[in-house]
Amino acid sequence: MKALSIRLAALTLVWGAISAPAATLILQDGVSGYSGETGDYIRSTQATTNYSTVGSMLVGETTTASDYLRGLLSFDLSSIPTGAVITSVTLTLTGTQGEASTSTSSTVDLEQVTTTDNPSQTTWDKASSSTNWTTAGGDFSTLLSSATGDPATFTAGSTMVFASTTAFVDEVQTAVDDGTALQLLAKFDVESNAAKNLFSFGQNSLAGADAPILTIVFTVPEPGVISLLLGGGALLAWRRLRTMAGSVL
């Protein structure tokens, strides 16, 4: 029993050495000097129109056949330290208004964008002025998170929060490791034109306090500790404690 206790203590010591205090980074355009969030929305019935200067992001659908609206967001993550380990990510969208023909709960999916887009040029048909989407309406592959709300009761100041998930954390980690922007697409989980249901969210610096908020929690292991572990320090400590356990028994 004493040997087991010492071994557990050894693991605790090693884990405590490689764990660093968690830091929280809040990225919102126009706050604390951050200006790295850009975005717009795209609309299927206005396939060549760019909405990046509107200051709002519409997500939803109307009763017009195949009239869908999807939001696009991009966050510069260069302020996150090299080597950071992402542990949690949430996205908060603030409403400017909602519109619905009937009161109904609607789910918005947050997806990983797979084709680099230019928000100032993006349309339903194009990721940028020189690049078409592989599939009109945006190229996306992985569902990162979902949130639910009722457009009929979604008013100015209402918020929609996309909770942290393993897929969301992994996507942010990949963007940080690769030194690329985090690119996201928001859309209804089911687009059917059954009713007019629209969310209007604040978008980029034009929205002021209503701009999207990306909250990231991460740790950064100490370089000296990493070197020690890689050099076999942890193994040596473990062996010594194991020897101590044997002598106690």
C-alpha atoms as a PDB file:
ATOM      1  CA  MET A   1       0.000   0.000   0.000  1.00  0.00           C
ATOM      2  CA  LYS A   2       2.862   2.367   0.861  1.00  0.00           C
ATOM      3  CA  ALA A   3       4.547   1.564  -2.447  1.00  0.00           C
ATOM      4  CA  LEU A   4       1.348   2.383  -4.333  1.00  0.00           C
ATOM      5  CA  SER A   5       0.985   5.675  -2.456  1.00  0.00           C
ATOM      6  CA  ILE A   6       4.545   6.674  -3.330  1.00  0.00           C
ATOM      7  CA  ARG A   7       4.013   5.765  -6.981  1.00  0.00           C
ATOM      8  CA  LEU A   8       0.863   7.859  -7.121  1.00  0.00           C
ATOM      9  CA  ALA A   9       2.778  10.700  -5.492  1.00  0.00           C
ATOM     10  CA  ALA A  10       5.430  10.386  -8.173  1.00  0.00           C
ATOM     11  CA  LEU A  11       2.853  10.644 -10.924  1.00  0.00           C
ATOM     12  CA  THR A  12       1.331  13.662  -9.194  1.00  0.00           C
ATOM     13  CA  LEU A  13       4.705  15.373  -8.975  1.00  0.00           C
ATOM     14  CA  VAL A  14       5.485  14.751 -12.624  1.00  0.00           C
ATOM     15  CA  TRP A  15       2.030  15.837 -13.785  1.00  0.00           C
ATOM     16  CA  GLY A  16       2.209  18.943 -11.598  1.00  0.00           C
ATOM     17  CA  ALA A  17       5.564  19.799 -13.142  1.00  0.00           C
ATOM     18  CA  ILE A  18       4.329  19.658 -16.716  1.00  0.00           C
ATOM     19  CA  SER A  19       1.009  21.389 -16.018  1.00  0.00           C
ATOM     20  CA  ALA A  20       0.973  25.170 -16.194  1.00  0.00           C
ATOM     21  CA  PRO A  21      -1.659  27.587 -14.888  1.00  0.00           C
ATOM     22  CA  ALA A  22      -4.543  28.021 -17.331  1.00  0.00           C
ATOM     23  CA  ALA A  23      -4.851  31.340 -19.142  1.00  0.00           C
ATOM     24  CA  THR A  24      -8.026  32.730 -20.681  1.00  0.00           C
ATOM     25  CA  LEU A  25      -7.922  34.786 -23.859  1.00  0.00           C
ATOM     26  CA  ILE A  26     -11.007  36.703 -25.001  1.00  0.00           C
ATOM     27  CA  LEU A  27     -10.976  37.783 -28.635  1.00  0.00           C
ATOM     28  CA  GLN A  28     -13.530  40.404 -29.671  1.00  0.00           C
ATOM     29  CA  ASP A  29     -13.040  42.907 -32.453  1.00  0.00           C
ATOM     30  CA  GLY A  30     -12.551  46.415 -31.117  1.00  0.00           C
ATOM     31  CA  VAL A  31     -11.779  45.285 -27.555  1.00  0.00           C
ATOM     32  CA  SER A  32      -8.299  45.482 -25.979  1.00  0.00           C
ATOM     33  CA  GLY A  33      -6.742  46.363 -29.326  1.00  0.00           C
ATOM     34  CA  TYR A  34      -7.922  43.203 -31.077  1.00  0.00           C
ATOM     35  CA  SER A  35      -8.881  43.643 -34.728  1.00  0.00           C
ATOM     36  CA  GLY A  36      -8.494  40.115 -36.065  1.00  0.00           C
ATOM     37  CA  GLU A  37     -12.112  39.036 -36.507  1.00  0.00           C
ATOM     38  CA  THR A  38     -13.698  39.389 -39.906  1.00  0.00           C
ATOM     39  CA  GLY A  39     -16.765  37.929 -41.474  1.00  0.00           C
ATOM     40  CA  ASP A  40     -20.003  38.349 -43.299  1.00  0.00           C
ATOM     41  CA  TYR A  41     -22.951  36.261 -44.410  1.00  0.00           C
ATOM     42  CA  ILE A  42     -23.835  34.695 -47.730  1.00  0.00           C
ATOM     43  CA  ARG A  43     -27.262  34.228 -49.282  1.00  0.00           C
ATOM     44  CA  SER A  44     -28.300  31.660 -51.854  1.00  0.00           C
ATOM     45  CA  THR A  45     -30.754  33.936 -53.685  1.00  0.00           C
ATOM     46  CA  GLN A  46     -28.133  36.711 -53.880  1.00  0.00           C
ATOM     47  CA  ALA A  47     -25.306  34.433 -54.948  1.00  0.00           C
ATOM     48  CA  THR A  48     -22.922  37.172 -56.121  1.00  0.00           C
ATOM     49  CA  THR A  49     -23.468  39.685 -53.295  1.00  0.00           C
ATOM     50  CA  ASN A  50     -20.937  40.315 -50.531  1.00  0.00           C
ATOM     51  CA  TYR A  51     -22.284  41.523 -47.169  1.00  0.00           C
ATOM     52  CA  SER A  52     -19.056  42.158 -45.229  1.00  0.00           C
ATOM     53  CA  THR A  53     -19.746  45.891 -44.762  1.00  0.00           C
ATOM     54  CA  VAL A  54     -23.223  45.421 -43.298  1.00  0.00           C
ATOM     55  CA  GLY A  55     -22.083  44.945 -39.702  1.00  0.00           C
ATOM     56  CA  SER A  56     -24.482  42.082 -39.045  1.00  0.00           C
ATOM     57  CA  MET A  57     -24.515  38.385 -39.823  1.00  0.00           C
ATOM     58  CA  LEU A  58     -27.791  36.749 -40.833  1.00  0.00           C
ATOM     59  CA  VAL A  59     -28.322  33.029 -40.336  1.00  0.00           C
ATOM     60  CA  GLY A  60     -31.474  31.177 -41.291  1.00  0.00           C
ATOM     61  CA  GLU A  61     -33.996  30.905 -44.095  1.00  0.00           C
ATOM     62  CA  THR A  62     -37.097  32.448 -45.628  1.00  0.00           C
ATOM     63  CA  THR A  63     -40.165  30.895 -47.233  1.00  0.00           C
ATOM     64  CA  THR A  64     -38.760  31.611 -50.693  1.00  0.00           C
ATOM     65  CA  ALA A  65     -37.597  28.381 -52.289  1.00  0.00           C
ATOM     66  CA  SER A  66     -33.922  27.682 -51.567  1.00  0.00           C
ATOM     67  CA  ASP A  67     -33.385  31.054 -49.862  1.00  0.00           C
ATOM     68  CA  TYR A  68     -30.780  30.229 -47.232  1.00  0.00           C
ATOM     69  CA  LEU A  69     -28.487  32.543 -45.271  1.00  0.00           C
ATOM     70  CA  ARG A  70     -25.230  31.375 -43.688  1.00  0.00           C
ATOM     71  CA  GLY A  71     -22.702  33.237 -41.568  1.00  0.00           C
ATOM     72  CA  LEU A  72     -18.931  33.214 -41.972  1.00  0.00           C
ATOM     73  CA  LEU A  73     -16.388  34.168 -39.318  1.00  0.00           C
ATOM     74  CA  SER A  74     -12.606  34.289 -39.221  1.00  0.00           C
ATOM     75  CA  PHE A  75     -10.422  34.868 -36.145  1.00  0.00           C
ATOM     76  CA  ASP A  76      -6.709  35.683 -36.118  1.00  0.00           C
ATOM     77  CA  LEU A  77      -5.164  33.523 -33.371  1.00  0.00           C
ATOM     78  CA  SER A  78      -1.593  34.847 -33.561  1.00  0.00           C
ATOM     79  CA  SER A  79      -1.819  36.275 -30.029  1.00  0.00           C
ATOM     80  CA  ILE A  80      -1.877  32.746 -28.589  1.00  0.00           C
ATOM     81  CA  PRO A  81       1.671  31.731 -27.514  1.00  0.00           C
ATOM     82  CA  THR A  82       3.606  29.136 -29.457  1.00  0.00           C
ATOM     83  CA  GLY A  83       3.299  25.731 -27.826  1.00  0.00           C
ATOM     84  CA  ALA A  84      -0.016  26.525 -26.158  1.00  0.00           C
ATOM     85  CA  VAL A  85      -2.282  23.584 -25.380  1.00  0.00           C
ATOM     86  CA  ILE A  86      -5.927  24.493 -25.956  1.00  0.00           C
ATOM     87  CA  THR A  87      -8.297  23.130 -23.311  1.00  0.00           C
ATOM     88  CA  SER A  88     -11.576  24.964 -23.942  1.00  0.00           C
ATOM     89  CA  VAL A  89     -13.201  27.145 -26.620  1.00  0.00           C
ATOM     90  CA  THR A  90     -16.567  28.891 -26.711  1.00  0.00           C
ATOM     91  CA  LEU A  91     -18.100  31.294 -29.220  1.00  0.00           C
ATOM     92  CA  THR A  92     -20.703  33.850 -28.174  1.00  0.00           C
ATOM     93  CA  LEU A  93     -22.840  35.587 -30.782  1.00  0.00           C
ATOM     94  CA  THR A  94     -24.885  38.609 -29.731  1.00  0.00           C
ATOM     95  CA  GLY A  95     -28.194  39.310 -31.412  1.00  0.00           C
ATOM     96  CA  THR A  96     -29.259  42.530 -33.046  1.00  0.00           C
ATOM     97  CA  GLN A  97     -32.710  41.098 -33.770  1.00  0.00           C
ATOM     98  CA  GLY A  98     -34.606  37.976 -34.739  1.00  0.00           C
ATOM     99  CA  GLU A  99     -37.414  37.418 -37.199  1.00  0.00           C
ATOM    100  CA  ALA A 100     -39.825  34.513 -37.514  1.00  0.00           C
ATOM    101  CA  SER A 101     -43.182  33.842 -39.108  1.00  0.00           C
ATOM    102  CA  THR A 102     -43.984  31.483 -36.235  1.00  0.00           C
ATOM    103  CA  SER A 103     -42.361  30.863 -32.875  1.00  0.00           C
ATOM    104  CA  THR A 104     -40.150  27.818 -33.204  1.00  0.00           C
ATOM    105  CA  SER A 105     -36.894  26.520 -31.779  1.00  0.00           C
ATOM    106  CA  SER A 106     -34.098  26.516 -34.354  1.00  0.00           C
ATOM    107  CA  THR A 107     -30.674  24.900 -34.113  1.00  0.00           C
ATOM    108  CA  VAL A 108     -27.609  26.632 -35.555  1.00  0.00           C
ATOM    109  CA  ASP A 109     -24.608  24.468 -36.397  1.00  0.00           C
ATOM    110  CA  LEU A 110     -21.050  25.781 -36.251  1.00  0.00           C
ATOM    111  CA  GLU A 111     -18.928  24.147 -38.925  1.00  0.00           C
ATOM    112  CA  GLN A 112     -15.240  24.031 -39.858  1.00  0.00           C
ATOM    113  CA  VAL A 113     -14.582  25.869 -43.135  1.00  0.00           C
ATOM    114  CA  THR A 114     -12.249  23.876 -45.388  1.00  0.00           C
ATOM    115  CA  THR A 115     -11.541  26.422 -48.136  1.00  0.00           C
ATOM    116  CA  THR A 116      -9.734  29.639 -47.233  1.00  0.00           C
ATOM    117  CA  ASP A 117     -12.068  32.557 -47.828  1.00  0.00           C
ATOM    118  CA  ASN A 118     -11.686  36.312 -48.031  1.00  0.00           C
ATOM    119  CA  PRO A 119     -14.578  37.893 -46.087  1.00  0.00           C
ATOM    120  CA  SER A 120     -14.432  41.135 -48.065  1.00  0.00           C
ATOM    121  CA  GLN A 121     -14.992  39.159 -51.279  1.00  0.00           C
ATOM    122  CA  THR A 122     -16.970  36.096 -50.182  1.00  0.00           C
ATOM    123  CA  THR A 123     -20.337  35.327 -51.775  1.00  0.00           C
ATOM    124  CA  TRP A 124     -22.588  32.275 -51.984  1.00  0.00           C
ATOM    125  CA  ASP A 125     -20.683  31.196 -55.094  1.00  0.00           C
ATOM    126  CA  LYS A 126     -17.147  32.302 -54.250  1.00  0.00           C
ATOM    127  CA  ALA A 127     -14.709  31.929 -51.365  1.00  0.00           C
ATOM    128  CA  SER A 128     -12.807  34.884 -52.822  1.00  0.00           C
ATOM    129  CA  SER A 129     -12.834  36.859 -56.041  1.00  0.00           C
ATOM    130  CA  SER A 130     -10.494  34.299 -57.637  1.00  0.00           C
ATOM    131  CA  THR A 131     -11.686  31.065 -55.993  1.00  0.00           C
ATOM    132  CA  ASN A 132     -15.053  29.364 -56.240  1.00  0.00           C
ATOM    133  CA  TRP A 133     -16.383  27.264 -53.404  1.00  0.00           C
ATOM    134  CA  THR A 134     -16.207  23.598 -54.333  1.00  0.00           C
ATOM    135  CA  THR A 135     -19.885  23.536 -53.368  1.00  0.00           C
ATOM    136  CA  ALA A 136     -21.878  26.772 -53.550  1.00  0.00           C
ATOM    137  CA  GLY A 137     -22.786  27.984 -50.077  1.00  0.00           C
ATOM    138  CA  GLY A 138     -19.391  27.300 -48.515  1.00  0.00           C
ATOM    139  CA  ASP A 139     -17.093  24.319 -48.063  1.00  0.00           C
ATOM    140  CA  PHE A 140     -17.292  22.755 -44.607  1.00  0.00           C
ATOM    141  CA  SER A 141     -16.697  19.319 -43.112  1.00  0.00           C
ATOM    142  CA  THR A 142     -16.733  19.043 -39.337  1.00  0.00           C
ATOM    143  CA  LEU A 143     -19.512  20.004 -36.946  1.00  0.00           C
ATOM    144  CA  LEU A 144     -17.783  21.848 -34.102  1.00  0.00           C
ATOM    145  CA  SER A 145     -20.694  22.870 -31.895  1.00  0.00           C
ATOM    146  CA  SER A 146     -24.421  23.665 -31.976  1.00  0.00           C
ATOM    147  CA  ALA A 147     -26.737  26.111 -30.215  1.00  0.00           C
ATOM    148  CA  THR A 148     -30.493  26.548 -30.139  1.00  0.00           C
ATOM    149  CA  GLY A 149     -32.755  29.603 -30.026  1.00  0.00           C
ATOM    150  CA  ASP A 150     -36.128  30.964 -31.104  1.00  0.00           C
ATOM    151  CA  PRO A 151     -35.906  33.755 -33.698  1.00  0.00           C
ATOM    152  CA  ALA A 152     -39.330  35.017 -32.602  1.00  0.00           C
ATOM    153  CA  THR A 153     -37.994  35.895 -29.139  1.00  0.00           C
ATOM    154  CA  PHE A 154     -34.390  36.599 -30.098  1.00  0.00           C
ATOM    155  CA  THR A 155     -34.020  40.357 -29.571  1.00  0.00           C
ATOM    156  CA  ALA A 156     -31.183  42.883 -29.473  1.00  0.00           C
ATOM    157  CA  GLY A 157     -28.776  41.823 -26.745  1.00  0.00           C
ATOM    158  CA  SER A 158     -29.807  38.170 -26.748  1.00  0.00           C
ATOM    159  CA  THR A 159     -26.877  35.778 -26.925  1.00  0.00           C
ATOM    160  CA  MET A 160     -26.264  32.395 -28.490  1.00  0.00           C
ATOM    161  CA  VAL A 161     -23.357  30.418 -27.036  1.00  0.00           C
ATOM    162  CA  PHE A 162     -21.606  27.592 -28.841  1.00  0.00           C
ATOM    163  CA  ALA A 163     -20.164  25.412 -26.108  1.00  0.00           C
ATOM    164  CA  SER A 164     -16.725  23.857 -26.065  1.00  0.00           C
ATOM    165  CA  THR A 165     -16.462  20.401 -27.626  1.00  0.00           C
ATOM    166  CA  THR A 166     -13.582  18.097 -28.446  1.00  0.00           C
ATOM    167  CA  ALA A 167     -13.965  18.898 -32.156  1.00  0.00           C
ATOM    168  CA  PHE A 168     -14.005  22.656 -31.469  1.00  0.00           C
ATOM    169  CA  VAL A 169     -10.878  22.451 -29.281  1.00  0.00           C
ATOM    170  CA  ASP A 170      -9.092  20.300 -31.871  1.00  0.00           C
ATOM    171  CA  GLU A 171      -9.888  22.768 -34.648  1.00  0.00           C
ATOM    172  CA  VAL A 172      -8.520  25.713 -32.674  1.00  0.00           C
ATOM    173  CA  GLN A 173      -5.436  23.686 -31.693  1.00  0.00           C
ATOM    174  CA  THR A 174      -4.777  22.875 -35.352  1.00  0.00           C
ATOM    175  CA  ALA A 175      -5.124  26.521 -36.368  1.00  0.00           C
ATOM    176  CA  VAL A 176      -2.733  27.623 -33.604  1.00  0.00           C
ATOM    177  CA  ASP A 177      -0.165  24.931 -34.451  1.00  0.00           C
ATOM    178  CA  ASP A 178      -0.364  25.715 -38.178  1.00  0.00           C
ATOM    179  CA  GLY A 179      -0.323  29.484 -37.698  1.00  0.00           C
ATOM    180  CA  THR A 180      -3.563  29.934 -39.628  1.00  0.00           C
ATOM    181  CA  ALA A 181      -6.807  31.768 -38.921  1.00  0.00           C
ATOM    182  CA  LEU A 182      -9.796  29.988 -37.412  1.00  0.00           C
ATOM    183  CA  GLN A 183     -12.527  29.912 -40.064  1.00  0.00           C
ATOM    184  CA  LEU A 184     -16.110  29.070 -39.151  1.00  0.00           C
ATOM    185  CA  LEU A 185     -19.493  28.785 -40.844  1.00  0.00           C
ATOM    186  CA  ALA A 186     -22.871  29.058 -39.084  1.00  0.00           C
ATOM    187  CA  LYS A 187     -25.998  27.557 -40.634  1.00  0.00           C
ATOM    188  CA  PHE A 188     -29.309  25.990 -39.671  1.00  0.00           C
ATOM    189  CA  ASP A 189     -28.930  22.291 -39.020  1.00  0.00           C
ATOM    190  CA  VAL A 190     -31.926  21.690 -41.299  1.00  0.00           C
ATOM    191  CA  GLU A 191     -32.663  24.122 -44.141  1.00  0.00           C
ATOM    192  CA  SER A 192     -36.187  23.546 -45.417  1.00  0.00           C
ATOM    193  CA  ASN A 193     -37.890  26.904 -46.193  1.00  0.00           C
ATOM    194  CA  ALA A 194     -40.814  25.730 -44.081  1.00  0.00           C
ATOM    195  CA  ALA A 195     -41.032  29.165 -42.417  1.00  0.00           C
ATOM    196  CA  LYS A 196     -39.214  32.478 -42.212  1.00  0.00           C
ATOM    197  CA  ASN A 197     -36.700  32.097 -39.401  1.00  0.00           C
ATOM    198  CA  LEU A 198     -33.732  34.447 -39.188  1.00  0.00           C
ATOM    199  CA  PHE A 199     -31.161  35.311 -36.541  1.00  0.00           C
ATOM    200  CA  SER A 200     -29.290  38.586 -36.910  1.00  0.00           C
ATOM    201  CA  PHE A 201     -25.976  38.666 -35.029  1.00  0.00           C
ATOM    202  CA  GLY A 202     -23.483  41.470 -34.583  1.00  0.00           C
ATOM    203  CA  GLN A 203     -20.476  41.083 -36.876  1.00  0.00           C
ATOM    204  CA  ASN A 204     -16.888  42.419 -36.658  1.00  0.00           C
ATOM    205  CA  SER A 205     -15.890  45.913 -35.445  1.00  0.00           C
ATOM    206  CA  LEU A 206     -18.915  47.510 -37.137  1.00  0.00           C
ATOM    207  CA  ALA A 207     -21.068  45.877 -34.457  1.00  0.00           C
ATOM    208  CA  GLY A 208     -19.168  47.388 -31.510  1.00  0.00           C
ATOM    209  CA  ALA A 209     -20.088  45.617 -28.281  1.00  0.00           C
ATOM    210  CA  ASP A 210     -22.207  43.143 -30.262  1.00  0.00           C
ATOM    211  CA  ALA A 211     -19.204  41.712 -32.139  1.00  0.00           C
ATOM    212  CA  PRO A 212     -18.616  37.932 -31.788  1.00  0.00           C
ATOM    213  CA  ILE A 213     -16.638  36.789 -28.753  1.00  0.00           C
ATOM    214  CA  LEU A 214     -14.230  33.852 -28.945  1.00  0.00           C
ATOM    215  CA  THR A 215     -13.091  32.673 -25.507  1.00  0.00           C
ATOM    216  CA  ILE A 216     -10.077  30.357 -25.424  1.00  0.00           C
ATOM    217  CA  VAL A 217      -8.588  28.655 -22.379  1.00  0.00           C
ATOM    218  CA  PHE A 218      -5.066  27.260 -22.756  1.00  0.00           C
ATOM    219  CA  THR A 219      -1.895  26.306 -20.930  1.00  0.00           C
ATOM    220  CA  VAL A 220       1.735  26.721 -21.937  1.00  0.00           C
ATOM    221  CA  PRO A 221       4.142  24.113 -20.461  1.00  0.00           C
ATOM    222  CA  GLU A 222       7.399  25.557 -19.146  1.00  0.00           C
ATOM    223  CA  PRO A 223      10.268  24.973 -21.624  1.00  0.00           C
ATOM    224  CA  GLY A 224      12.629  23.944 -18.830  1.00  0.00           C
ATOM    225  CA  VAL A 225      10.232  21.309 -17.584  1.00  0.00           C
ATOM    226  CA  ILE A 226       9.746  19.940 -21.089  1.00  0.00           C
ATOM    227  CA  SER A 227      13.509  19.646 -21.548  1.00  0.00           C
ATOM    228  CA  LEU A 228      13.820  17.866 -18.213  1.00  0.00           C
ATOM    229  CA  LEU A 229      11.147  15.358 -19.118  1.00  0.00           C
ATOM    230  CA  LEU A 230      12.518  14.776 -22.592  1.00  0.00           C
ATOM    231  CA  GLY A 231      15.970  14.286 -21.099  1.00  0.00           C
ATOM    232  CA  GLY A 232      14.725  11.472 -18.922  1.00  0.00           C
ATOM    233  CA  GLY A 233      14.363  13.412 -15.683  1.00  0.00           C
ATOM    234  CA  ALA A 234      10.860  12.115 -15.121  1.00  0.00           C
ATOM    235  CA  LEU A 235      11.939   8.520 -15.614  1.00  0.00           C
ATOM    236  CA  LEU A 236      14.851   8.968 -13.223  1.00  0.00           C
ATOM    237  CA  ALA A 237      12.567  10.448 -10.589  1.00  0.00           C
ATOM    238  CA  TRP A 238      10.156   7.567 -11.026  1.00  0.00           C
ATOM    239  CA  ARG A 239      12.916   4.961 -10.597  1.00  0.00           C
ATOM    240  CA  ARG A 240      14.208   6.636  -7.454  1.00  0.00           C
ATOM    241  CA  LEU A 241      10.768   6.752  -5.902  1.00  0.00           C
ATOM    242  CA  ARG A 242      10.205   3.125  -6.877  1.00  0.00           C
ATOM    243  CA  THR A 243      13.439   2.186  -5.114  1.00  0.00           C
ATOM    244  CA  MET A 244      12.290   4.117  -2.051  1.00  0.00           C
ATOM    245  CA  ALA A 245       9.014   2.196  -2.120  1.00  0.00           C
ATOM    246  CA  GLY A 246      10.883  -1.107  -2.186  1.00  0.00           C
ATOM    247  CA  SER A 247      13.045  -0.145   0.773  1.00  0.00           C
ATOM    248  CA  VAL A 248      10.017   0.927   2.783  1.00  0.00           C
ATOM    249  CA  LEU A 249       8.343  -2.407   2.177  1.00  0.00           C
END
